[in-house]
Amino acid sequence: MKIQYQDYGAVANIVITSTVFEFRKHNRVADATLLCTPGIIATRTGMFFMKTVLSGKSRDMLRAYRAVFREAAR
């Protein structure tokens, strides 16, 4: 699983990329992040190489970034 943080000033993105073998972990990380951080939007693409892009305000995305790593470490 690869996690990237991209900051564009007032807004930011978190890109979570993984393979089909990490399907359940990928979905759990993305869903937990969406639940704990209101105000962000998720866009999911791909089947064998899954990619989820979380986007929102920078302050919300920093909170989400911590949640992503906390959930991915489980």
PDB file of N, CA and C in Angstrom:
ATOM      1  N   MET A   1       0.850  -1.169   0.000  1.00  0.00           N
ATOM      2  CA  MET A   1       0.000   0.000   0.000  1.00  0.00           C
ATOM      3  C   MET A   1       0.896   1.231   0.000  1.00  0.00           C
ATOM      4  N   LYS A   2       0.584   2.148  -0.890  1.00  0.00           N
ATOM      5  CA  LYS A   2       1.367   3.371  -1.022  1.00  0.00           C
ATOM      6  C   LYS A   2       0.467   4.558  -0.680  1.00  0.00           C
ATOM      7  N   ILE A   3       0.950   5.449   0.162  1.00  0.00           N
ATOM      8  CA  ILE A   3       0.179   6.619   0.597  1.00  0.00           C
ATOM      9  C   ILE A   3       0.983   7.870   0.288  1.00  0.00           C
ATOM     10  N   GLN A   4       0.370   8.797  -0.450  1.00  0.00           N
ATOM     11  CA  GLN A   4       1.040  10.047  -0.815  1.00  0.00           C
ATOM     12  C   GLN A   4       0.190  11.224  -0.351  1.00  0.00           C
ATOM     13  N   TYR A   5       0.858  12.244   0.173  1.00  0.00           N
ATOM     14  CA  TYR A   5       0.196  13.490   0.557  1.00  0.00           C
ATOM     15  C   TYR A   5       0.633  14.565  -0.426  1.00  0.00           C
ATOM     16  N   GLN A   6      -0.330  15.231  -1.051  1.00  0.00           N
ATOM     17  CA  GLN A   6      -0.039  16.284  -2.018  1.00  0.00           C
ATOM     18  C   GLN A   6      -0.714  17.568  -1.554  1.00  0.00           C
ATOM     19  N   ASP A   7       0.092  18.588  -1.288  1.00  0.00           N
ATOM     20  CA  ASP A   7      -0.422  19.863  -0.785  1.00  0.00           C
ATOM     21  C   ASP A   7      -0.419  20.892  -1.909  1.00  0.00           C
ATOM     22  N   TYR A   8      -1.557  21.550  -2.095  1.00  0.00           N
ATOM     23  CA  TYR A   8      -1.691  22.575  -3.136  1.00  0.00           C
ATOM     24  C   TYR A   8      -2.057  23.933  -2.543  1.00  0.00           C
ATOM     25  N   GLY A   9      -1.651  24.199  -1.318  1.00  0.00           N
ATOM     26  CA  GLY A   9      -1.961  25.468  -0.680  1.00  0.00           C
ATOM     27  C   GLY A   9      -3.201  25.331   0.188  1.00  0.00           C
ATOM     28  N   ALA A  10      -4.322  25.867  -0.266  1.00  0.00           N
ATOM     29  CA  ALA A  10      -5.558  25.827   0.507  1.00  0.00           C
ATOM     30  C   ALA A  10      -6.208  24.447   0.495  1.00  0.00           C
ATOM     31  N   VAL A  11      -5.927  23.665  -0.536  1.00  0.00           N
ATOM     32  CA  VAL A  11      -6.490  22.313  -0.633  1.00  0.00           C
ATOM     33  C   VAL A  11      -5.355  21.295  -0.701  1.00  0.00           C
ATOM     34  N   ALA A  12      -5.695  20.043  -0.419  1.00  0.00           N
ATOM     35  CA  ALA A  12      -4.693  18.979  -0.442  1.00  0.00           C
ATOM     36  C   ALA A  12      -5.348  17.671  -0.863  1.00  0.00           C
ATOM     37  N   ASN A  13      -4.521  16.726  -1.286  1.00  0.00           N
ATOM     38  CA  ASN A  13      -4.966  15.390  -1.672  1.00  0.00           C
ATOM     39  C   ASN A  13      -4.162  14.347  -0.919  1.00  0.00           C
ATOM     40  N   ILE A  14      -4.804  13.217  -0.662  1.00  0.00           N
ATOM     41  CA  ILE A  14      -4.117  12.018  -0.190  1.00  0.00           C
ATOM     42  C   ILE A  14      -4.452  10.939  -1.203  1.00  0.00           C
ATOM     43  N   VAL A  15      -3.425  10.310  -1.768  1.00  0.00           N
ATOM     44  CA  VAL A  15      -3.621   9.260  -2.756  1.00  0.00           C
ATOM     45  C   VAL A  15      -3.196   7.939  -2.121  1.00  0.00           C
ATOM     46  N   ILE A  16      -4.145   6.992  -2.060  1.00  0.00           N
ATOM     47  CA  ILE A  16      -3.884   5.665  -1.517  1.00  0.00           C
ATOM     48  C   ILE A  16      -3.923   4.693  -2.693  1.00  0.00           C
ATOM     49  N   THR A  17      -2.817   3.990  -2.923  1.00  0.00           N
ATOM     50  CA  THR A  17      -2.715   3.054  -4.036  1.00  0.00           C
ATOM     51  C   THR A  17      -2.351   1.681  -3.489  1.00  0.00           C
ATOM     52  N   SER A  18      -3.049   0.647  -3.970  1.00  0.00           N
ATOM     53  CA  SER A  18      -2.724  -0.718  -3.557  1.00  0.00           C
ATOM     54  C   SER A  18      -3.193  -1.699  -4.621  1.00  0.00           C
ATOM     55  N   THR A  19      -2.843  -2.957  -4.422  1.00  0.00           N
ATOM     56  CA  THR A  19      -3.207  -4.002  -5.377  1.00  0.00           C
ATOM     57  C   THR A  19      -4.456  -4.731  -4.903  1.00  0.00           C
ATOM     58  N   VAL A  20      -4.925  -5.638  -5.736  1.00  0.00           N
ATOM     59  CA  VAL A  20      -6.131  -6.393  -5.408  1.00  0.00           C
ATOM     60  C   VAL A  20      -5.911  -7.290  -4.186  1.00  0.00           C
ATOM     61  N   PHE A  21      -4.675  -7.647  -3.891  1.00  0.00           N
ATOM     62  CA  PHE A  21      -4.380  -8.501  -2.749  1.00  0.00           C
ATOM     63  C   PHE A  21      -4.585  -7.776  -1.419  1.00  0.00           C
ATOM     64  N   GLU A  22      -4.579  -6.457  -1.439  1.00  0.00           N
ATOM     65  CA  GLU A  22      -4.807  -5.663  -0.227  1.00  0.00           C
ATOM     66  C   GLU A  22      -6.175  -4.984  -0.265  1.00  0.00           C
ATOM     67  N   PHE A  23      -7.122  -5.595  -0.945  1.00  0.00           N
ATOM     68  CA  PHE A  23      -8.453  -5.020  -1.157  1.00  0.00           C
ATOM     69  C   PHE A  23      -9.142  -4.635   0.144  1.00  0.00           C
ATOM     70  N   ARG A  24      -9.183  -5.561   1.093  1.00  0.00           N
ATOM     71  CA  ARG A  24      -9.901  -5.306   2.351  1.00  0.00           C
ATOM     72  C   ARG A  24      -9.231  -4.219   3.182  1.00  0.00           C
ATOM     73  N   LYS A  25      -7.910  -4.250   3.246  1.00  0.00           N
ATOM     74  CA  LYS A  25      -7.173  -3.230   4.006  1.00  0.00           C
ATOM     75  C   LYS A  25      -7.342  -1.861   3.363  1.00  0.00           C
ATOM     76  N   HIS A  26      -7.292  -1.803   2.029  1.00  0.00           N
ATOM     77  CA  HIS A  26      -7.464  -0.545   1.297  1.00  0.00           C
ATOM     78  C   HIS A  26      -8.825   0.071   1.614  1.00  0.00           C
ATOM     79  N   ASN A  27      -9.878  -0.725   1.524  1.00  0.00           N
ATOM     80  CA  ASN A  27     -11.224  -0.224   1.807  1.00  0.00           C
ATOM     81  C   ASN A  27     -11.386   0.188   3.259  1.00  0.00           C
ATOM     82  N   ARG A  28     -10.792  -0.580   4.188  1.00  0.00           N
ATOM     83  CA  ARG A  28     -10.900  -0.245   5.605  1.00  0.00           C
ATOM     84  C   ARG A  28     -10.223   1.082   5.909  1.00  0.00           C
ATOM     85  N   VAL A  29      -9.040   1.303   5.331  1.00  0.00           N
ATOM     86  CA  VAL A  29      -8.307   2.554   5.545  1.00  0.00           C
ATOM     87  C   VAL A  29      -9.091   3.740   4.986  1.00  0.00           C
ATOM     88  N   ALA A  30      -9.598   3.601   3.762  1.00  0.00           N
ATOM     89  CA  ALA A  30     -10.342   4.700   3.140  1.00  0.00           C
ATOM     90  C   ALA A  30     -11.635   5.001   3.896  1.00  0.00           C
ATOM     91  N   ASP A  31     -12.365   3.965   4.292  1.00  0.00           N
ATOM     92  CA  ASP A  31     -13.628   4.175   4.998  1.00  0.00           C
ATOM     93  C   ASP A  31     -13.426   4.758   6.393  1.00  0.00           C
ATOM     94  N   ALA A  32     -12.421   4.281   7.102  1.00  0.00           N
ATOM     95  CA  ALA A  32     -12.151   4.813   8.438  1.00  0.00           C
ATOM     96  C   ALA A  32     -11.744   6.282   8.366  1.00  0.00           C
ATOM     97  N   THR A  33     -10.997   6.631   7.347  1.00  0.00           N
ATOM     98  CA  THR A  33     -10.584   8.024   7.177  1.00  0.00           C
ATOM     99  C   THR A  33     -11.785   8.912   6.879  1.00  0.00           C
ATOM    100  N   LEU A  34     -12.678   8.442   6.034  1.00  0.00           N
ATOM    101  CA  LEU A  34     -13.877   9.222   5.717  1.00  0.00           C
ATOM    102  C   LEU A  34     -14.782   9.385   6.936  1.00  0.00           C
ATOM    103  N   LEU A  35     -14.845   8.372   7.787  1.00  0.00           N
ATOM    104  CA  LEU A  35     -15.686   8.458   8.975  1.00  0.00           C
ATOM    105  C   LEU A  35     -15.132   9.414  10.024  1.00  0.00           C
ATOM    106  N   CYS A  36     -13.811   9.427  10.188  1.00  0.00           N
ATOM    107  CA  CYS A  36     -13.235  10.241  11.263  1.00  0.00           C
ATOM    108  C   CYS A  36     -12.953  11.678  10.837  1.00  0.00           C
ATOM    109  N   THR A  37     -13.002  11.971   9.537  1.00  0.00           N
ATOM    110  CA  THR A  37     -12.712  13.324   9.069  1.00  0.00           C
ATOM    111  C   THR A  37     -13.856  13.834   8.198  1.00  0.00           C
ATOM    112  N   PRO A  38     -14.758  14.615   8.759  1.00  0.00           N
ATOM    113  CA  PRO A  38     -15.836  15.171   7.929  1.00  0.00           C
ATOM    114  C   PRO A  38     -15.301  16.269   7.010  1.00  0.00           C
ATOM    115  N   GLY A  39     -15.946  16.444   5.886  1.00  0.00           N
ATOM    116  CA  GLY A  39     -15.563  17.522   4.985  1.00  0.00           C
ATOM    117  C   GLY A  39     -14.576  17.133   3.909  1.00  0.00           C
ATOM    118  N   ILE A  40     -14.274  15.831   3.775  1.00  0.00           N
ATOM    119  CA  ILE A  40     -13.391  15.421   2.686  1.00  0.00           C
ATOM    120  C   ILE A  40     -14.175  14.551   1.708  1.00  0.00           C
ATOM    121  N   ILE A  41     -13.671  14.463   0.487  1.00  0.00           N
ATOM    122  CA  ILE A  41     -14.331  13.748  -0.594  1.00  0.00           C
ATOM    123  C   ILE A  41     -13.406  12.644  -1.086  1.00  0.00           C
ATOM    124  N   ALA A  42     -13.984  11.486  -1.415  1.00  0.00           N
ATOM    125  CA  ALA A  42     -13.187  10.362  -1.922  1.00  0.00           C
ATOM    126  C   ALA A  42     -13.604  10.019  -3.343  1.00  0.00           C
ATOM    127  N   THR A  43     -12.614   9.697  -4.158  1.00  0.00           N
ATOM    128  CA  THR A  43     -12.844   9.215  -5.517  1.00  0.00           C
ATOM    129  C   THR A  43     -12.063   7.922  -5.677  1.00  0.00           C
ATOM    130  N   ARG A  44     -12.762   6.837  -6.032  1.00  0.00           N
ATOM    131  CA  ARG A  44     -12.123   5.528  -6.152  1.00  0.00           C
ATOM    132  C   ARG A  44     -12.107   5.089  -7.611  1.00  0.00           C
ATOM    133  N   THR A  45     -10.979   4.542  -8.044  1.00  0.00           N
ATOM    134  CA  THR A  45     -10.840   4.023  -9.402  1.00  0.00           C
ATOM    135  C   THR A  45     -10.024   2.741  -9.372  1.00  0.00           C
ATOM    136  N   GLY A  46     -10.169   1.938 -10.428  1.00  0.00           N
ATOM    137  CA  GLY A  46      -9.344   0.752 -10.606  1.00  0.00           C
ATOM    138  C   GLY A  46      -9.947  -0.497 -10.030  1.00  0.00           C
ATOM    139  N   MET A  47      -9.472  -1.631 -10.565  1.00  0.00           N
ATOM    140  CA  MET A  47      -9.914  -2.924 -10.072  1.00  0.00           C
ATOM    141  C   MET A  47      -8.724  -3.733  -9.553  1.00  0.00           C
ATOM    142  N   PHE A  48      -7.723  -3.958 -10.365  1.00  0.00           N
ATOM    143  CA  PHE A  48      -6.552  -4.720  -9.931  1.00  0.00           C
ATOM    144  C   PHE A  48      -5.541  -3.823  -9.226  1.00  0.00           C
ATOM    145  N   PHE A  49      -5.399  -2.601  -9.684  1.00  0.00           N
ATOM    146  CA  PHE A  49      -4.602  -1.590  -8.997  1.00  0.00           C
ATOM    147  C   PHE A  49      -5.566  -0.514  -8.537  1.00  0.00           C
ATOM    148  N   MET A  50      -5.933  -0.576  -7.265  1.00  0.00           N
ATOM    149  CA  MET A  50      -6.933   0.341  -6.730  1.00  0.00           C
ATOM    150  C   MET A  50      -6.286   1.654  -6.336  1.00  0.00           C
ATOM    151  N   LYS A  51      -6.994   2.736  -6.608  1.00  0.00           N
ATOM    152  CA  LYS A  51      -6.501   4.070  -6.286  1.00  0.00           C
ATOM    153  C   LYS A  51      -7.655   4.868  -5.693  1.00  0.00           C
ATOM    154  N   THR A  52      -7.446   5.395  -4.516  1.00  0.00           N
ATOM    155  CA  THR A  52      -8.428   6.254  -3.859  1.00  0.00           C
ATOM    156  C   THR A  52      -7.786   7.610  -3.645  1.00  0.00           C
ATOM    157  N   VAL A  53      -8.465   8.650  -4.096  1.00  0.00           N
ATOM    158  CA  VAL A  53      -7.984  10.014  -3.916  1.00  0.00           C
ATOM    159  C   VAL A  53      -8.921  10.705  -2.939  1.00  0.00           C
ATOM    160  N   LEU A  54      -8.395  11.087  -1.786  1.00  0.00           N
ATOM    161  CA  LEU A  54      -9.142  11.853  -0.792  1.00  0.00           C
ATOM    162  C   LEU A  54      -8.753  13.306  -0.962  1.00  0.00           C
ATOM    163  N   SER A  55      -9.728  14.200  -1.032  1.00  0.00           N
ATOM    164  CA  SER A  55      -9.410  15.612  -1.231  1.00  0.00           C
ATOM    165  C   SER A  55     -10.267  16.476  -0.327  1.00  0.00           C
ATOM    166  N   GLY A  56      -9.708  17.643   0.017  1.00  0.00           N
ATOM    167  CA  GLY A  56     -10.394  18.588   0.877  1.00  0.00           C
ATOM    168  C   GLY A  56      -9.462  19.710   1.298  1.00  0.00           C
ATOM    169  N   LYS A  57      -9.897  20.463   2.294  1.00  0.00           N
ATOM    170  CA  LYS A  57      -9.070  21.550   2.813  1.00  0.00           C
ATOM    171  C   LYS A  57      -7.833  20.987   3.496  1.00  0.00           C
ATOM    172  N   SER A  58      -6.767  21.760   3.489  1.00  0.00           N
ATOM    173  CA  SER A  58      -5.482  21.294   4.026  1.00  0.00           C
ATOM    174  C   SER A  58      -5.566  20.905   5.496  1.00  0.00           C
ATOM    175  N   ARG A  59      -6.282  21.670   6.298  1.00  0.00           N
ATOM    176  CA  ARG A  59      -6.361  21.344   7.723  1.00  0.00           C
ATOM    177  C   ARG A  59      -7.106  20.027   7.947  1.00  0.00           C
ATOM    178  N   ASP A  60      -8.132  19.767   7.143  1.00  0.00           N
ATOM    179  CA  ASP A  60      -8.846  18.502   7.243  1.00  0.00           C
ATOM    180  C   ASP A  60      -7.999  17.346   6.733  1.00  0.00           C
ATOM    181  N   MET A  61      -7.212  17.602   5.714  1.00  0.00           N
ATOM    182  CA  MET A  61      -6.401  16.548   5.126  1.00  0.00           C
ATOM    183  C   MET A  61      -5.243  16.140   6.031  1.00  0.00           C
ATOM    184  N   LEU A  62      -4.709  17.070   6.816  1.00  0.00           N
ATOM    185  CA  LEU A  62      -3.664  16.708   7.774  1.00  0.00           C
ATOM    186  C   LEU A  62      -4.230  15.787   8.855  1.00  0.00           C
ATOM    187  N   ARG A  63      -5.453  16.056   9.264  1.00  0.00           N
ATOM    188  CA  ARG A  63      -6.127  15.180  10.226  1.00  0.00           C
ATOM    189  C   ARG A  63      -6.380  13.809   9.596  1.00  0.00           C
ATOM    190  N   ALA A  64      -6.786  13.807   8.339  1.00  0.00           N
ATOM    191  CA  ALA A  64      -7.043  12.555   7.636  1.00  0.00           C
ATOM    192  C   ALA A  64      -5.756  11.765   7.419  1.00  0.00           C
ATOM    193  N   TYR A  65      -4.661  12.458   7.161  1.00  0.00           N
ATOM    194  CA  TYR A  65      -3.371  11.803   6.928  1.00  0.00           C
ATOM    195  C   TYR A  65      -2.941  11.015   8.163  1.00  0.00           C
ATOM    196  N   ARG A  66      -3.143  11.594   9.325  1.00  0.00           N
ATOM    197  CA  ARG A  66      -2.836  10.869  10.558  1.00  0.00           C
ATOM    198  C   ARG A  66      -3.739   9.652  10.729  1.00  0.00           C
ATOM    199  N   ALA A  67      -5.021   9.815  10.365  1.00  0.00           N
ATOM    200  CA  ALA A  67      -5.965   8.701  10.471  1.00  0.00           C
ATOM    201  C   ALA A  67      -5.615   7.576   9.504  1.00  0.00           C
ATOM    202  N   VAL A  68      -5.136   7.920   8.315  1.00  0.00           N
ATOM    203  CA  VAL A  68      -4.742   6.914   7.333  1.00  0.00           C
ATOM    204  C   VAL A  68      -3.614   6.055   7.884  1.00  0.00           C
ATOM    205  N   PHE A  69      -2.585   6.677   8.431  1.00  0.00           N
ATOM    206  CA  PHE A  69      -1.462   5.915   8.952  1.00  0.00           C
ATOM    207  C   PHE A  69      -1.824   5.132  10.205  1.00  0.00           C
ATOM    208  N   ARG A  70      -2.700   5.682  11.017  1.00  0.00           N
ATOM    209  CA  ARG A  70      -3.137   4.965  12.212  1.00  0.00           C
ATOM    210  C   ARG A  70      -3.888   3.685  11.821  1.00  0.00           C
ATOM    211  N   GLU A  71      -4.755   3.795  10.820  1.00  0.00           N
ATOM    212  CA  GLU A  71      -5.541   2.640  10.381  1.00  0.00           C
ATOM    213  C   GLU A  71      -4.688   1.655   9.590  1.00  0.00           C
ATOM    214  N   ALA A  72      -3.748   2.137   8.799  1.00  0.00           N
ATOM    215  CA  ALA A  72      -2.891   1.256   8.002  1.00  0.00           C
ATOM    216  C   ALA A  72      -1.945   0.446   8.880  1.00  0.00           C
ATOM    217  N   ALA A  73      -1.622   0.966  10.053  1.00  0.00           N
ATOM    218  CA  ALA A  73      -0.713   0.250  10.967  1.00  0.00           C
ATOM    219  C   ALA A  73      -1.403  -0.905  11.684  1.00  0.00           C
ATOM    220  N   ARG A  74      -2.711  -0.980  11.650  1.00  0.00           N
ATOM    221  CA  ARG A  74      -3.438  -2.060  12.321  1.00  0.00           C
ATOM    222  C   ARG A  74      -3.184  -3.384  11.672  1.00  0.00           C
TER     223      ARG A  74
END
